[in-house]
């Protein structure tokens, strides 16, 4: 099997022919093992008055819509790609609103 030089590997756009329909997510959760990262994308639908359903002090629970597991070695490239694309978005359209914070 020939060696692949990772520094020279060029990857084109994905073939979306057999891909399912896109899903919308407004929450992301990340967990990891020594071998891979699991990205869980979820949808959080707030109530009309902004309070979580049930008890006012109860946390809102997002509904998972997709999960992606990727090798730990690929996560740095993903982070770089997302930062590059977000910077281009901000340059063209301004900072996205509202600005969300990370929670524990």
PDB file of N, CA and C in Angstrom:
ATOM      1  N   UNK A   1       0.844  -1.179   0.000  1.00  0.00           N
ATOM      2  CA  UNK A   1       0.000   0.000   0.000  1.00  0.00           C
ATOM      3  C   UNK A   1       0.888   1.239   0.000  1.00  0.00           C
ATOM      4  N   UNK A   2       0.666   2.198  -0.910  1.00  0.00           N
ATOM      5  CA  UNK A   2       1.507   3.395  -0.963  1.00  0.00           C
ATOM      6  C   UNK A   2       1.239   4.303   0.219  1.00  0.00           C
ATOM      7  N   UNK A   3       2.301   5.007   0.640  1.00  0.00           N
ATOM      8  CA  UNK A   3       2.160   5.952   1.746  1.00  0.00           C
ATOM      9  C   UNK A   3       1.430   7.204   1.262  1.00  0.00           C
ATOM     10  N   UNK A   4       0.677   7.818   2.164  1.00  0.00           N
ATOM     11  CA  UNK A   4      -0.034   9.053   1.854  1.00  0.00           C
ATOM     12  C   UNK A   4       0.632  10.172   2.633  1.00  0.00           C
ATOM     13  N   UNK A   5       1.054  11.203   1.950  1.00  0.00           N
ATOM     14  CA  UNK A   5       1.645  12.367   2.599  1.00  0.00           C
ATOM     15  C   UNK A   5       0.520  13.289   3.034  1.00  0.00           C
ATOM     16  N   UNK A   6       0.246  13.314   4.334  1.00  0.00           N
ATOM     17  CA  UNK A   6      -0.884  14.096   4.865  1.00  0.00           C
ATOM     18  C   UNK A   6      -0.736  15.580   4.565  1.00  0.00           C
ATOM     19  N   UNK A   7       0.486  16.066   4.443  1.00  0.00           N
ATOM     20  CA  UNK A   7       0.690  17.485   4.162  1.00  0.00           C
ATOM     21  C   UNK A   7       0.250  17.845   2.743  1.00  0.00           C
ATOM     22  N   UNK A   8       0.209  16.882   1.822  1.00  0.00           N
ATOM     23  CA  UNK A   8      -0.128  17.146   0.436  1.00  0.00           C
ATOM     24  C   UNK A   8      -1.495  16.603   0.047  1.00  0.00           C
ATOM     25  N   UNK A   9      -2.230  16.039   0.999  1.00  0.00           N
ATOM     26  CA  UNK A   9      -3.535  15.466   0.710  1.00  0.00           C
ATOM     27  C   UNK A   9      -4.533  16.576   0.416  1.00  0.00           C
ATOM     28  N   UNK A  10      -5.163  16.492  -0.748  1.00  0.00           N
ATOM     29  CA  UNK A  10      -6.168  17.470  -1.142  1.00  0.00           C
ATOM     30  C   UNK A  10      -7.509  16.758  -1.184  1.00  0.00           C
ATOM     31  N   UNK A  11      -8.472  17.303  -0.476  1.00  0.00           N
ATOM     32  CA  UNK A  11      -9.799  16.699  -0.400  1.00  0.00           C
ATOM     33  C   UNK A  11     -10.781  17.636  -1.079  1.00  0.00           C
ATOM     34  N   UNK A  12     -11.559  17.104  -2.022  1.00  0.00           N
ATOM     35  CA  UNK A  12     -12.541  17.907  -2.739  1.00  0.00           C
ATOM     36  C   UNK A  12     -13.842  18.029  -1.965  1.00  0.00           C
ATOM     37  N   UNK A  13     -14.830  18.628  -2.591  1.00  0.00           N
ATOM     38  CA  UNK A  13     -16.146  18.769  -1.985  1.00  0.00           C
ATOM     39  C   UNK A  13     -16.830  17.412  -1.881  1.00  0.00           C
ATOM     40  N   UNK A  14     -17.669  17.222  -0.881  1.00  0.00           N
ATOM     41  CA  UNK A  14     -18.318  15.915  -0.708  1.00  0.00           C
ATOM     42  C   UNK A  14     -19.372  15.644  -1.773  1.00  0.00           C
ATOM     43  N   UNK A  15     -19.564  14.362  -2.071  1.00  0.00           N
ATOM     44  CA  UNK A  15     -20.638  13.920  -2.958  1.00  0.00           C
ATOM     45  C   UNK A  15     -21.891  13.784  -2.094  1.00  0.00           C
ATOM     46  N   UNK A  16     -22.869  14.636  -2.301  1.00  0.00           N
ATOM     47  CA  UNK A  16     -24.089  14.652  -1.489  1.00  0.00           C
ATOM     48  C   UNK A  16     -25.232  13.867  -2.116  1.00  0.00           C
ATOM     49  N   UNK A  17     -24.941  13.088  -3.158  1.00  0.00           N
ATOM     50  CA  UNK A  17     -25.977  12.366  -3.887  1.00  0.00           C
ATOM     51  C   UNK A  17     -26.852  11.528  -2.959  1.00  0.00           C
ATOM     52  N   UNK A  18     -26.254  10.766  -2.069  1.00  0.00           N
ATOM     53  CA  UNK A  18     -27.004   9.866  -1.195  1.00  0.00           C
ATOM     54  C   UNK A  18     -27.171  10.404   0.228  1.00  0.00           C
ATOM     55  N   UNK A  19     -26.828  11.643   0.446  1.00  0.00           N
ATOM     56  CA  UNK A  19     -26.947  12.214   1.792  1.00  0.00           C
ATOM     57  C   UNK A  19     -28.411  12.478   2.118  1.00  0.00           C
ATOM     58  N   UNK A  20     -28.738  12.348   3.381  1.00  0.00           N
ATOM     59  CA  UNK A  20     -30.089  12.671   3.815  1.00  0.00           C
ATOM     60  C   UNK A  20     -30.304  14.172   3.811  1.00  0.00           C
ATOM     61  N   UNK A  21     -31.513  14.560   4.145  1.00  0.00           N
ATOM     62  CA  UNK A  21     -31.828  15.986   4.203  1.00  0.00           C
ATOM     63  C   UNK A  21     -31.068  16.636   5.357  1.00  0.00           C
ATOM     64  N   UNK A  22     -30.690  17.894   5.207  1.00  0.00           N
ATOM     65  CA  UNK A  22     -30.023  18.585   6.313  1.00  0.00           C
ATOM     66  C   UNK A  22     -30.961  18.699   7.513  1.00  0.00           C
ATOM     67  N   UNK A  23     -30.389  18.730   8.700  1.00  0.00           N
ATOM     68  CA  UNK A  23     -31.157  18.950   9.917  1.00  0.00           C
ATOM     69  C   UNK A  23     -30.666  20.242  10.557  1.00  0.00           C
ATOM     70  N   UNK A  24     -31.553  20.923  11.252  1.00  0.00           N
ATOM     71  CA  UNK A  24     -31.200  22.171  11.919  1.00  0.00           C
ATOM     72  C   UNK A  24     -30.880  21.868  13.372  1.00  0.00           C
ATOM     73  N   UNK A  25     -29.815  22.463  13.874  1.00  0.00           N
ATOM     74  CA  UNK A  25     -29.434  22.327  15.276  1.00  0.00           C
ATOM     75  C   UNK A  25     -29.009  23.690  15.790  1.00  0.00           C
ATOM     76  N   UNK A  26     -29.365  23.997  17.034  1.00  0.00           N
ATOM     77  CA  UNK A  26     -28.929  25.254  17.625  1.00  0.00           C
ATOM     78  C   UNK A  26     -28.162  25.032  18.925  1.00  0.00           C
ATOM     79  N   UNK A  27     -27.834  23.764  19.216  1.00  0.00           N
ATOM     80  CA  UNK A  27     -27.031  23.408  20.387  1.00  0.00           C
ATOM     81  C   UNK A  27     -26.039  22.332  19.957  1.00  0.00           C
ATOM     82  N   UNK A  28     -24.824  22.420  20.450  1.00  0.00           N
ATOM     83  CA  UNK A  28     -23.829  21.376  20.194  1.00  0.00           C
ATOM     84  C   UNK A  28     -23.215  20.955  21.521  1.00  0.00           C
ATOM     85  N   UNK A  29     -23.013  19.660  21.671  1.00  0.00           N
ATOM     86  CA  UNK A  29     -22.384  19.099  22.848  1.00  0.00           C
ATOM     87  C   UNK A  29     -21.210  18.254  22.368  1.00  0.00           C
ATOM     88  N   UNK A  30     -20.092  18.324  23.073  1.00  0.00           N
ATOM     89  CA  UNK A  30     -18.910  17.575  22.682  1.00  0.00           C
ATOM     90  C   UNK A  30     -18.461  16.695  23.845  1.00  0.00           C
ATOM     91  N   UNK A  31     -18.184  15.436  23.550  1.00  0.00           N
ATOM     92  CA  UNK A  31     -17.554  14.543  24.517  1.00  0.00           C
ATOM     93  C   UNK A  31     -16.430  13.809  23.791  1.00  0.00           C
ATOM     94  N   UNK A  32     -15.517  13.224  24.548  1.00  0.00           N
ATOM     95  CA  UNK A  32     -14.371  12.591  23.906  1.00  0.00           C
ATOM     96  C   UNK A  32     -13.855  11.417  24.711  1.00  0.00           C
ATOM     97  N   UNK A  33     -13.130  10.564  24.011  1.00  0.00           N
ATOM     98  CA  UNK A  33     -12.373   9.469  24.600  1.00  0.00           C
ATOM     99  C   UNK A  33     -10.931   9.684  24.172  1.00  0.00           C
ATOM    100  N   UNK A  34     -10.008   8.838  24.597  1.00  0.00           N
ATOM    101  CA  UNK A  34      -8.630   8.997  24.102  1.00  0.00           C
ATOM    102  C   UNK A  34      -8.504   8.791  22.593  1.00  0.00           C
ATOM    103  N   UNK A  35      -9.549   8.248  21.943  1.00  0.00           N
ATOM    104  CA  UNK A  35      -9.453   7.893  20.534  1.00  0.00           C
ATOM    105  C   UNK A  35     -10.287   8.755  19.605  1.00  0.00           C
ATOM    106  N   UNK A  36     -11.408   9.296  20.099  1.00  0.00           N
ATOM    107  CA  UNK A  36     -12.284  10.037  19.198  1.00  0.00           C
ATOM    108  C   UNK A  36     -13.101  11.083  19.938  1.00  0.00           C
ATOM    109  N   UNK A  37     -13.718  11.937  19.148  1.00  0.00           N
ATOM    110  CA  UNK A  37     -14.609  12.972  19.655  1.00  0.00           C
ATOM    111  C   UNK A  37     -16.016  12.669  19.160  1.00  0.00           C
ATOM    112  N   UNK A  38     -17.013  12.916  20.006  1.00  0.00           N
ATOM    113  CA  UNK A  38     -18.421  12.738  19.637  1.00  0.00           C
ATOM    114  C   UNK A  38     -19.069  14.116  19.700  1.00  0.00           C
ATOM    115  N   UNK A  39     -19.591  14.560  18.572  1.00  0.00           N
ATOM    116  CA  UNK A  39     -20.297  15.837  18.490  1.00  0.00           C
ATOM    117  C   UNK A  39     -21.777  15.520  18.369  1.00  0.00           C
ATOM    118  N   UNK A  40     -22.549  15.973  19.338  1.00  0.00           N
ATOM    119  CA  UNK A  40     -23.990  15.747  19.323  1.00  0.00           C
ATOM    120  C   UNK A  40     -24.652  17.090  19.051  1.00  0.00           C
ATOM    121  N   UNK A  41     -25.416  17.161  17.985  1.00  0.00           N
ATOM    122  CA  UNK A  41     -26.115  18.371  17.602  1.00  0.00           C
ATOM    123  C   UNK A  41     -27.578  18.214  18.000  1.00  0.00           C
ATOM    124  N   UNK A  42     -28.122  19.256  18.625  1.00  0.00           N
ATOM    125  CA  UNK A  42     -29.475  19.176  19.180  1.00  0.00           C
ATOM    126  C   UNK A  42     -30.281  20.407  18.821  1.00  0.00           C
ATOM    127  N   UNK A  43     -31.580  20.271  19.024  1.00  0.00           N
ATOM    128  CA  UNK A  43     -32.511  21.374  18.804  1.00  0.00           C
ATOM    129  C   UNK A  43     -33.144  21.731  20.136  1.00  0.00           C
ATOM    130  N   UNK A  44     -33.014  22.977  20.517  1.00  0.00           N
ATOM    131  CA  UNK A  44     -33.638  23.495  21.723  1.00  0.00           C
ATOM    132  C   UNK A  44     -34.713  24.476  21.299  1.00  0.00           C
ATOM    133  N   UNK A  45     -35.946  24.157  21.643  1.00  0.00           N
ATOM    134  CA  UNK A  45     -37.069  25.018  21.296  1.00  0.00           C
ATOM    135  C   UNK A  45     -37.573  25.645  22.585  1.00  0.00           C
ATOM    136  N   UNK A  46     -37.314  26.935  22.780  1.00  0.00           N
ATOM    137  CA  UNK A  46     -37.772  27.573  24.017  1.00  0.00           C
ATOM    138  C   UNK A  46     -39.285  27.748  24.004  1.00  0.00           C
ATOM    139  N   UNK A  47     -39.866  27.810  25.196  1.00  0.00           N
ATOM    140  CA  UNK A  47     -41.299  28.068  25.277  1.00  0.00           C
ATOM    141  C   UNK A  47     -41.564  29.506  24.840  1.00  0.00           C
ATOM    142  N   UNK A  48     -42.818  29.823  24.597  1.00  0.00           N
ATOM    143  CA  UNK A  48     -43.157  31.164  24.097  1.00  0.00           C
ATOM    144  C   UNK A  48     -42.802  32.270  25.075  1.00  0.00           C
ATOM    145  N   UNK A  49     -42.867  31.971  26.390  1.00  0.00           N
ATOM    146  CA  UNK A  49     -42.541  33.009  27.367  1.00  0.00           C
ATOM    147  C   UNK A  49     -41.073  32.992  27.769  1.00  0.00           C
ATOM    148  N   UNK A  50     -40.273  32.072  27.179  1.00  0.00           N
ATOM    149  CA  UNK A  50     -38.848  32.020  27.458  1.00  0.00           C
ATOM    150  C   UNK A  50     -38.486  31.125  28.621  1.00  0.00           C
ATOM    151  N   UNK A  51     -39.477  30.695  29.417  1.00  0.00           N
ATOM    152  CA  UNK A  51     -39.206  29.818  30.552  1.00  0.00           C
ATOM    153  C   UNK A  51     -39.257  28.366  30.098  1.00  0.00           C
ATOM    154  N   UNK A  52     -38.423  27.500  30.689  1.00  0.00           N
ATOM    155  CA  UNK A  52     -38.499  26.093  30.317  1.00  0.00           C
ATOM    156  C   UNK A  52     -39.842  25.504  30.722  1.00  0.00           C
ATOM    157  N   UNK A  53     -40.322  24.499  29.977  1.00  0.00           N
ATOM    158  CA  UNK A  53     -41.591  23.898  30.343  1.00  0.00           C
ATOM    159  C   UNK A  53     -41.511  23.239  31.716  1.00  0.00           C
ATOM    160  N   UNK A  54     -42.632  23.134  32.398  1.00  0.00           N
ATOM    161  CA  UNK A  54     -42.633  22.534  33.739  1.00  0.00           C
ATOM    162  C   UNK A  54     -42.215  23.561  34.773  1.00  0.00           C
ATOM    163  N   UNK A  55     -41.354  23.149  35.665  1.00  0.00           N
ATOM    164  CA  UNK A  55     -40.874  24.055  36.726  1.00  0.00           C
ATOM    165  C   UNK A  55     -40.054  25.194  36.125  1.00  0.00           C
ATOM    166  N   UNK A  56     -40.224  26.405  36.640  1.00  0.00           N
ATOM    167  CA  UNK A  56     -39.434  27.530  36.113  1.00  0.00           C
ATOM    168  C   UNK A  56     -37.934  27.352  36.313  1.00  0.00           C
ATOM    169  N   UNK A  57     -37.528  26.598  37.350  1.00  0.00           N
ATOM    170  CA  UNK A  57     -36.098  26.427  37.611  1.00  0.00           C
ATOM    171  C   UNK A  57     -35.525  25.179  36.944  1.00  0.00           C
ATOM    172  N   UNK A  58     -36.365  24.441  36.188  1.00  0.00           N
ATOM    173  CA  UNK A  58     -35.905  23.216  35.520  1.00  0.00           C
ATOM    174  C   UNK A  58     -35.120  23.578  34.261  1.00  0.00           C
ATOM    175  N   UNK A  59     -34.020  22.862  33.993  1.00  0.00           N
ATOM    176  CA  UNK A  59     -33.256  23.164  32.775  1.00  0.00           C
ATOM    177  C   UNK A  59     -34.021  22.717  31.532  1.00  0.00           C
ATOM    178  N   UNK A  60     -33.835  23.444  30.450  1.00  0.00           N
ATOM    179  CA  UNK A  60     -34.400  23.042  29.165  1.00  0.00           C
ATOM    180  C   UNK A  60     -33.564  21.892  28.628  1.00  0.00           C
ATOM    181  N   UNK A  61     -34.213  20.907  28.043  1.00  0.00           N
ATOM    182  CA  UNK A  61     -33.503  19.740  27.516  1.00  0.00           C
ATOM    183  C   UNK A  61     -33.608  19.745  25.999  1.00  0.00           C
ATOM    184  N   UNK A  62     -32.477  19.915  25.306  1.00  0.00           N
ATOM    185  CA  UNK A  62     -32.521  19.886  23.847  1.00  0.00           C
ATOM    186  C   UNK A  62     -32.740  18.463  23.337  1.00  0.00           C
ATOM    187  N   UNK A  63     -33.329  18.339  22.146  1.00  0.00           N
ATOM    188  CA  UNK A  63     -33.573  17.043  21.500  1.00  0.00           C
ATOM    189  C   UNK A  63     -32.474  16.808  20.469  1.00  0.00           C
ATOM    190  N   UNK A  64     -31.712  15.721  20.638  1.00  0.00           N
ATOM    191  CA  UNK A  64     -30.628  15.399  19.709  1.00  0.00           C
ATOM    192  C   UNK A  64     -31.186  15.143  18.312  1.00  0.00           C
ATOM    193  N   UNK A  65     -30.541  15.714  17.305  1.00  0.00           N
ATOM    194  CA  UNK A  65     -30.970  15.521  15.918  1.00  0.00           C
ATOM    195  C   UNK A  65     -29.901  14.842  15.071  1.00  0.00           C
ATOM    196  N   UNK A  66     -28.640  14.862  15.511  1.00  0.00           N
ATOM    197  CA  UNK A  66     -27.561  14.209  14.751  1.00  0.00           C
ATOM    198  C   UNK A  66     -26.345  14.035  15.647  1.00  0.00           C
ATOM    199  N   UNK A  67     -25.583  12.981  15.362  1.00  0.00           N
ATOM    200  CA  UNK A  67     -24.331  12.744  16.071  1.00  0.00           C
ATOM    201  C   UNK A  67     -23.243  12.425  15.058  1.00  0.00           C
ATOM    202  N   UNK A  68     -22.062  12.962  15.320  1.00  0.00           N
ATOM    203  CA  UNK A  68     -20.902  12.692  14.476  1.00  0.00           C
ATOM    204  C   UNK A  68     -19.770  12.251  15.395  1.00  0.00           C
ATOM    205  N   UNK A  69     -19.134  11.140  15.061  1.00  0.00           N
ATOM    206  CA  UNK A  69     -17.959  10.668  15.791  1.00  0.00           C
ATOM    207  C   UNK A  69     -16.786  10.764  14.836  1.00  0.00           C
ATOM    208  N   UNK A  70     -15.717  11.412  15.294  1.00  0.00           N
ATOM    209  CA  UNK A  70     -14.563  11.582  14.416  1.00  0.00           C
ATOM    210  C   UNK A  70     -13.273  11.319  15.182  1.00  0.00           C
ATOM    211  N   UNK A  71     -12.216  10.902  14.480  1.00  0.00           N
ATOM    212  CA  UNK A  71     -10.957  10.628  15.161  1.00  0.00           C
ATOM    213  C   UNK A  71     -10.396  11.899  15.790  1.00  0.00           C
ATOM    214  N   UNK A  72      -9.765  11.729  16.947  1.00  0.00           N
ATOM    215  CA  UNK A  72      -9.203  12.879  17.661  1.00  0.00           C
ATOM    216  C   UNK A  72      -8.235  13.664  16.778  1.00  0.00           C
ATOM    217  N   UNK A  73      -7.500  12.970  15.918  1.00  0.00           N
ATOM    218  CA  UNK A  73      -6.525  13.645  15.061  1.00  0.00           C
ATOM    219  C   UNK A  73      -7.171  14.607  14.073  1.00  0.00           C
ATOM    220  N   UNK A  74      -8.451  14.455  13.778  1.00  0.00           N
ATOM    221  CA  UNK A  74      -9.132  15.314  12.802  1.00  0.00           C
ATOM    222  C   UNK A  74      -9.767  16.545  13.437  1.00  0.00           C
ATOM    223  N   UNK A  75      -9.856  16.590  14.747  1.00  0.00           N
ATOM    224  CA  UNK A  75     -10.581  17.666  15.416  1.00  0.00           C
ATOM    225  C   UNK A  75      -9.870  19.015  15.267  1.00  0.00           C
ATOM    226  N   UNK A  76      -8.562  19.037  15.305  1.00  0.00           N
ATOM    227  CA  UNK A  76      -7.831  20.297  15.120  1.00  0.00           C
ATOM    228  C   UNK A  76      -8.114  20.914  13.764  1.00  0.00           C
ATOM    229  N   UNK A  77      -8.159  20.085  12.721  1.00  0.00           N
ATOM    230  CA  UNK A  77      -8.473  20.582  11.378  1.00  0.00           C
ATOM    231  C   UNK A  77      -9.895  21.130  11.324  1.00  0.00           C
ATOM    232  N   UNK A  78     -10.834  20.445  11.981  1.00  0.00           N
ATOM    233  CA  UNK A  78     -12.216  20.927  12.027  1.00  0.00           C
ATOM    234  C   UNK A  78     -12.287  22.273  12.732  1.00  0.00           C
ATOM    235  N   UNK A  79     -11.599  22.404  13.857  1.00  0.00           N
ATOM    236  CA  UNK A  79     -11.595  23.673  14.595  1.00  0.00           C
ATOM    237  C   UNK A  79     -11.017  24.801  13.738  1.00  0.00           C
ATOM    238  N   UNK A  80      -9.935  24.522  13.029  1.00  0.00           N
ATOM    239  CA  UNK A  80      -9.330  25.531  12.142  1.00  0.00           C
ATOM    240  C   UNK A  80     -10.294  25.924  11.031  1.00  0.00           C
ATOM    241  N   UNK A  81     -10.953  24.939  10.437  1.00  0.00           N
ATOM    242  CA  UNK A  81     -11.902  25.204   9.356  1.00  0.00           C
ATOM    243  C   UNK A  81     -13.068  26.054   9.851  1.00  0.00           C
ATOM    244  N   UNK A  82     -13.631  25.691  10.998  1.00  0.00           N
ATOM    245  CA  UNK A  82     -14.748  26.466  11.547  1.00  0.00           C
ATOM    246  C   UNK A  82     -14.324  27.899  11.870  1.00  0.00           C
ATOM    247  N   UNK A  83     -13.132  28.086  12.445  1.00  0.00           N
ATOM    248  CA  UNK A  83     -12.645  29.433  12.765  1.00  0.00           C
ATOM    249  C   UNK A  83     -12.469  30.247  11.493  1.00  0.00           C
ATOM    250  N   UNK A  84     -11.892  29.659  10.453  1.00  0.00           N
ATOM    251  CA  UNK A  84     -11.699  30.362   9.177  1.00  0.00           C
ATOM    252  C   UNK A  84     -13.035  30.788   8.588  1.00  0.00           C
ATOM    253  N   UNK A  85     -13.998  29.873   8.559  1.00  0.00           N
ATOM    254  CA  UNK A  85     -15.307  30.180   7.979  1.00  0.00           C
ATOM    255  C   UNK A  85     -16.064  31.209   8.821  1.00  0.00           C
ATOM    256  N   UNK A  86     -15.969  31.125  10.145  1.00  0.00           N
ATOM    257  CA  UNK A  86     -16.627  32.117  10.999  1.00  0.00           C
ATOM    258  C   UNK A  86     -16.007  33.496  10.795  1.00  0.00           C
ATOM    259  N   UNK A  87     -14.687  33.563  10.680  1.00  0.00           N
ATOM    260  CA  UNK A  87     -14.033  34.851  10.434  1.00  0.00           C
ATOM    261  C   UNK A  87     -14.496  35.459   9.110  1.00  0.00           C
ATOM    262  N   UNK A  88     -14.644  34.624   8.074  1.00  0.00           N
ATOM    263  CA  UNK A  88     -15.130  35.127   6.788  1.00  0.00           C
ATOM    264  C   UNK A  88     -16.573  35.608   6.912  1.00  0.00           C
ATOM    265  N   UNK A  89     -17.398  34.867   7.634  1.00  0.00           N
ATOM    266  CA  UNK A  89     -18.790  35.254   7.876  1.00  0.00           C
ATOM    267  C   UNK A  89     -18.846  36.622   8.564  1.00  0.00           C
ATOM    268  N   UNK A  90     -18.044  36.795   9.624  1.00  0.00           N
ATOM    269  CA  UNK A  90     -18.031  38.062  10.366  1.00  0.00           C
ATOM    270  C   UNK A  90     -17.541  39.198   9.479  1.00  0.00           C
ATOM    271  N   UNK A  91     -16.529  38.952   8.671  1.00  0.00           N
ATOM    272  CA  UNK A  91     -16.023  39.981   7.756  1.00  0.00           C
ATOM    273  C   UNK A  91     -17.102  40.435   6.779  1.00  0.00           C
ATOM    274  N   UNK A  92     -17.896  39.498   6.281  1.00  0.00           N
ATOM    275  CA  UNK A  92     -18.921  39.822   5.284  1.00  0.00           C
ATOM    276  C   UNK A  92     -20.224  40.321   5.900  1.00  0.00           C
ATOM    277  N   UNK A  93     -20.656  39.715   7.004  1.00  0.00           N
ATOM    278  CA  UNK A  93     -22.003  39.973   7.520  1.00  0.00           C
ATOM    279  C   UNK A  93     -22.049  40.534   8.941  1.00  0.00           C
ATOM    280  N   UNK A  94     -20.914  40.586   9.607  1.00  0.00           N
ATOM    281  CA  UNK A  94     -20.898  41.033  10.995  1.00  0.00           C
ATOM    282  C   UNK A  94     -21.068  39.848  11.941  1.00  0.00           C
ATOM    283  N   UNK A  95     -20.874  40.118  13.218  1.00  0.00           N
ATOM    284  CA  UNK A  95     -20.953  39.050  14.224  1.00  0.00           C
ATOM    285  C   UNK A  95     -22.366  38.496  14.299  1.00  0.00           C
ATOM    286  N   UNK A  96     -22.492  37.167  14.393  1.00  0.00           N
ATOM    287  CA  UNK A  96     -23.826  36.573  14.512  1.00  0.00           C
ATOM    288  C   UNK A  96     -24.477  36.964  15.836  1.00  0.00           C
ATOM    289  N   UNK A  97     -25.780  37.119  15.812  1.00  0.00           N
ATOM    290  CA  UNK A  97     -26.531  37.490  17.015  1.00  0.00           C
ATOM    291  C   UNK A  97     -27.574  36.435  17.287  1.00  0.00           C
ATOM    292  N   UNK A  98     -27.922  36.083  18.472  1.00  0.00           N
ATOM    293  CA  UNK A  98     -27.249  36.512  19.693  1.00  0.00           C
ATOM    294  C   UNK A  98     -25.954  35.737  19.886  1.00  0.00           C
ATOM    295  N   UNK A  99     -25.057  36.297  20.672  1.00  0.00           N
ATOM    296  CA  UNK A  99     -23.808  35.615  21.001  1.00  0.00           C
ATOM    297  C   UNK A  99     -24.097  34.647  22.135  1.00  0.00           C
ATOM    298  N   UNK A 100     -23.799  33.368  21.926  1.00  0.00           N
ATOM    299  CA  UNK A 100     -24.098  32.353  22.925  1.00  0.00           C
ATOM    300  C   UNK A 100     -22.856  32.007  23.732  1.00  0.00           C
ATOM    301  N   UNK A 101     -23.082  31.626  24.979  1.00  0.00           N
ATOM    302  CA  UNK A 101     -21.974  31.269  25.872  1.00  0.00           C
ATOM    303  C   UNK A 101     -21.891  29.756  26.036  1.00  0.00           C
ATOM    304  N   UNK A 102     -20.694  29.300  26.357  1.00  0.00           N
ATOM    305  CA  UNK A 102     -20.487  27.895  26.672  1.00  0.00           C
ATOM    306  C   UNK A 102     -20.922  27.658  28.105  1.00  0.00           C
ATOM    307  N   UNK A 103     -21.555  26.533  28.351  1.00  0.00           N
ATOM    308  CA  UNK A 103     -21.923  26.151  29.708  1.00  0.00           C
ATOM    309  C   UNK A 103     -21.208  24.868  30.083  1.00  0.00           C
ATOM    310  N   UNK A 104     -21.215  24.558  31.340  1.00  0.00           N
ATOM    311  CA  UNK A 104     -20.528  23.356  31.833  1.00  0.00           C
ATOM    312  C   UNK A 104     -21.230  22.102  31.400  1.00  0.00           C
TER     313      UNK A 104
END
